[in-house]
Amino acid sequence: MPKNKHMAALVLTSENQIQRLNHILNTVKKHQTLDLTTLKTPPNPQAWNIVEVIAHLNIAYGKYVEKINDALAKSADIEKESEGFKARRWQKFVFEGQRPKNGVRKMKMKTMKRFEPLLDKTELTEEKIDEVFDEFFDLHNHFKQSILKSRNKDVTKIKITSAIGPIVKFYLPEAFEFLLCHLERHMVQIDEILA
């Protein structure tokens, strides 16, 4: 058996996922305190501004809320928390497509219509912007609670279909990883907007 056969395994743990999510939540909290002009100004006319990136993340996670709730409800309770979940090859490939490498987004992807932020840039008042951020924290607090709940569930039985369609199905730890990689990708996008 080749030596590196096990090296390539990606083991997903709730500790790692919670740490990364906390880091993102703290980063977005800091972004919320930026002045309105910074939040509303895209780097170029074709690009999104910071508020639009956050609105996109709300849409993307929103597509998973019911699926995650359903999977958690259907998963059996377990006594002892698992040591980690080994991601499957195809799912790992999907994560790698999203995950930024050394602070760089690899492949630029066209956003599917149903994930596009539908904000009227002319109506981005302070109140509207706060609503977008509040929704982000509500949704991503659900995300955090879901990761915590999954620690005491058998996550090896129920799969959920990804929001991009049935070509990708995830077990819960894989869905969480995909969503985290997607968040991390868009944190890099915000860094690019602020650069």
Protein backbone atom coordinates (compact mmCIF):
# COMPACT_ATOMS: atom_id res chain seq x y z
CA MET A 1 0.00 0.00 0.00
CA PRO A 2 1.50 3.42 -0.91
CA LYS A 3 2.66 5.43 2.09
CA ASN A 4 0.72 8.57 1.21
CA LYS A 5 -2.60 6.76 0.86
CA HIS A 6 -3.77 8.00 4.29
CA MET A 7 -2.05 11.39 4.06
CA ALA A 8 -4.59 12.55 1.48
CA ALA A 9 -7.57 11.82 3.75
CA LEU A 10 -9.50 14.87 4.89
CA VAL A 11 -10.90 14.28 8.37
CA LEU A 12 -13.59 16.78 9.31
CA THR A 13 -14.00 17.66 12.99
CA SER A 14 -16.62 19.86 14.60
CA GLU A 15 -13.88 21.62 16.66
CA ASN A 16 -12.08 22.74 13.52
CA GLN A 17 -15.34 23.78 11.85
CA ILE A 18 -16.52 25.80 14.89
CA GLN A 19 -13.13 27.58 15.15
CA ARG A 20 -13.25 28.58 11.50
CA LEU A 21 -16.87 29.70 11.75
CA ASN A 22 -16.12 31.79 14.88
CA HIS A 23 -13.25 33.46 13.02
CA ILE A 24 -15.60 34.32 10.12
CA LEU A 25 -18.33 35.63 12.46
CA ASN A 26 -15.76 37.91 14.18
CA THR A 27 -14.47 39.11 10.80
CA VAL A 28 -18.00 39.93 9.56
CA LYS A 29 -18.71 41.77 12.86
CA LYS A 30 -15.68 43.98 12.13
CA HIS A 31 -16.86 44.55 8.55
CA GLN A 32 -20.26 45.65 9.83
CA THR A 33 -18.57 48.63 11.54
CA LEU A 34 -17.05 49.95 8.29
CA ASP A 35 -18.46 53.21 6.98
CA LEU A 36 -21.39 53.12 4.54
CA THR A 37 -19.33 54.26 1.55
CA THR A 38 -16.85 51.39 2.04
CA LEU A 39 -19.68 48.87 2.43
CA LYS A 40 -21.54 50.13 -0.65
CA THR A 41 -18.66 50.72 -3.09
CA PRO A 42 -17.70 47.83 -5.39
CA PRO A 43 -14.09 47.62 -6.68
CA ASN A 44 -15.47 48.00 -10.23
CA PRO A 45 -18.95 48.43 -11.79
CA GLN A 46 -19.28 44.69 -12.61
CA ALA A 47 -18.30 43.53 -9.11
CA TRP A 48 -20.30 43.14 -5.92
CA ASN A 49 -19.88 45.43 -2.97
CA ILE A 50 -19.40 44.06 0.57
CA VAL A 51 -23.13 44.17 1.39
CA GLU A 52 -23.90 42.17 -1.75
CA VAL A 53 -21.33 39.53 -0.78
CA ILE A 54 -23.00 39.20 2.64
CA ALA A 55 -26.46 39.05 0.98
CA HIS A 56 -25.18 36.28 -1.33
CA LEU A 57 -23.93 34.32 1.69
CA ASN A 58 -27.39 34.70 3.28
CA ILE A 59 -29.07 33.30 0.16
CA ALA A 60 -26.58 30.42 -0.08
CA TYR A 61 -26.91 29.34 3.55
CA GLY A 62 -30.67 29.90 3.46
CA LYS A 63 -30.92 27.09 0.88
CA TYR A 64 -29.49 24.67 3.48
CA VAL A 65 -31.44 25.57 6.65
CA GLU A 66 -34.35 23.16 6.09
CA LYS A 67 -32.08 20.41 4.73
CA ILE A 68 -29.83 20.65 7.81
CA ASN A 69 -32.79 20.77 10.24
CA ASP A 70 -34.28 17.74 8.52
CA ALA A 71 -31.02 15.75 8.56
CA LEU A 72 -30.45 16.53 12.25
CA ALA A 73 -34.02 15.51 13.10
CA LYS A 74 -33.66 12.20 11.22
CA SER A 75 -30.19 11.34 12.58
CA ALA A 76 -30.05 9.00 15.57
CA ASP A 77 -28.53 10.21 18.83
CA ILE A 78 -25.18 8.75 19.85
CA GLU A 79 -23.59 8.43 23.28
CA LYS A 80 -20.06 9.40 22.37
CA GLU A 81 -18.98 12.13 20.00
CA SER A 82 -17.20 10.84 16.89
CA GLU A 83 -13.46 11.38 16.42
CA GLY A 84 -14.02 12.98 13.06
CA PHE A 85 -15.60 12.27 9.71
CA LYS A 86 -13.56 11.24 6.69
CA ALA A 87 -14.72 13.23 3.67
CA ARG A 88 -15.35 11.22 0.52
CA ARG A 89 -13.26 11.79 -2.62
CA TRP A 90 -15.82 13.60 -4.83
CA GLN A 91 -16.98 15.83 -1.94
CA LYS A 92 -13.36 16.64 -1.12
CA PHE A 93 -12.86 17.67 -4.75
CA VAL A 94 -15.91 19.97 -4.46
CA PHE A 95 -14.51 21.58 -1.27
CA GLU A 96 -11.14 22.14 -2.92
CA GLY A 97 -12.86 24.01 -5.76
CA GLN A 98 -14.29 26.46 -3.20
CA ARG A 99 -11.50 26.67 -0.62
CA PRO A 100 -9.13 29.63 -1.07
CA LYS A 101 -5.43 28.76 -1.11
CA ASN A 102 -3.06 31.14 0.72
CA GLY A 103 -5.61 33.93 0.69
CA VAL A 104 -6.35 33.56 -3.04
CA ARG A 105 -9.60 32.41 -4.64
CA LYS A 106 -8.62 29.78 -7.16
CA MET A 107 -11.11 29.42 -9.98
CA LYS A 108 -13.42 32.38 -10.42
CA MET A 109 -16.97 31.08 -10.80
CA LYS A 110 -20.07 32.63 -12.25
CA THR A 111 -22.78 32.73 -9.60
CA MET A 112 -25.96 30.89 -10.53
CA LYS A 113 -28.93 33.25 -10.90
CA ARG A 114 -30.73 31.85 -7.85
CA PHE A 115 -27.76 32.78 -5.61
CA GLU A 116 -27.35 36.35 -6.82
CA PRO A 117 -27.95 39.14 -4.30
CA LEU A 118 -30.99 41.08 -5.44
CA LEU A 119 -30.20 44.35 -3.73
CA ASP A 120 -31.02 47.69 -5.26
CA LYS A 121 -27.73 49.54 -4.82
CA THR A 122 -29.58 52.88 -4.78
CA GLU A 123 -31.62 51.76 -1.76
CA LEU A 124 -28.79 50.60 0.46
CA THR A 125 -29.61 52.70 3.51
CA GLU A 126 -27.91 52.12 6.84
CA GLU A 127 -31.09 50.36 8.02
CA LYS A 128 -31.18 48.05 4.96
CA ILE A 129 -27.48 47.22 5.40
CA ASP A 130 -28.05 46.40 9.08
CA GLU A 131 -30.87 44.04 8.06
CA VAL A 132 -28.51 42.17 5.72
CA PHE A 133 -25.90 41.81 8.49
CA ASP A 134 -28.54 40.82 11.09
CA GLU A 135 -29.80 38.11 8.76
CA PHE A 136 -26.21 36.90 8.30
CA PHE A 137 -25.72 36.53 12.05
CA ASP A 138 -29.12 34.82 12.52
CA LEU A 139 -28.40 32.31 9.76
CA HIS A 140 -24.82 31.63 10.75
CA ASN A 141 -25.73 31.25 14.41
CA HIS A 142 -28.07 28.49 13.15
CA PHE A 143 -25.03 27.07 11.32
CA LYS A 144 -22.97 27.10 14.54
CA GLN A 145 -25.77 25.49 16.59
CA SER A 146 -26.20 22.84 13.87
CA ILE A 147 -22.51 21.89 14.01
CA LEU A 148 -22.77 21.64 17.81
CA LYS A 149 -25.94 19.50 17.63
CA SER A 150 -24.32 17.18 15.06
CA ARG A 151 -21.65 16.20 17.60
CA ASN A 152 -24.17 13.94 19.34
CA LYS A 153 -25.75 12.52 16.19
CA ASP A 154 -24.94 9.60 13.93
CA VAL A 155 -23.99 11.63 10.83
CA THR A 156 -23.18 8.58 8.70
CA LYS A 157 -26.71 7.68 7.55
CA ILE A 158 -28.54 10.73 6.22
CA LYS A 159 -27.37 12.61 3.12
CA ILE A 160 -28.55 15.98 1.93
CA THR A 161 -28.59 17.22 -1.65
CA SER A 162 -26.41 20.26 -2.22
CA ALA A 163 -28.08 23.51 -3.28
CA ILE A 164 -26.31 23.21 -6.64
CA GLY A 165 -28.30 20.05 -7.36
CA PRO A 166 -28.31 16.27 -6.99
CA ILE A 167 -24.88 15.85 -8.61
CA VAL A 168 -23.46 16.48 -5.11
CA LYS A 169 -24.84 14.84 -1.97
CA PHE A 170 -23.34 15.52 1.44
CA TYR A 171 -23.35 13.91 4.84
CA LEU A 172 -23.77 16.68 7.45
CA PRO A 173 -20.03 17.17 8.21
CA GLU A 174 -19.39 17.46 4.46
CA ALA A 175 -22.22 19.97 4.03
CA PHE A 176 -20.75 22.03 6.88
CA GLU A 177 -17.29 21.86 5.27
CA PHE A 178 -18.63 22.93 1.89
CA LEU A 179 -20.47 25.88 3.46
CA LEU A 180 -17.34 26.89 5.41
CA CYS A 181 -15.14 26.74 2.29
CA HIS A 182 -17.75 28.89 0.52
CA LEU A 183 -17.72 31.41 3.40
CA GLU A 184 -13.90 31.46 3.41
CA ARG A 185 -13.86 32.05 -0.34
CA HIS A 186 -16.10 35.09 0.05
CA MET A 187 -14.08 36.44 3.01
CA VAL A 188 -11.15 36.54 0.56
CA GLN A 189 -13.42 38.34 -1.93
CA ILE A 190 -14.17 40.99 0.76
CA ASP A 191 -10.42 41.34 1.44
CA GLU A 192 -9.98 41.95 -2.31
CA ILE A 193 -12.72 44.63 -2.25
CA LEU A 194 -11.02 46.33 0.71
CA ALA A 195 -7.50 46.07 -0.77
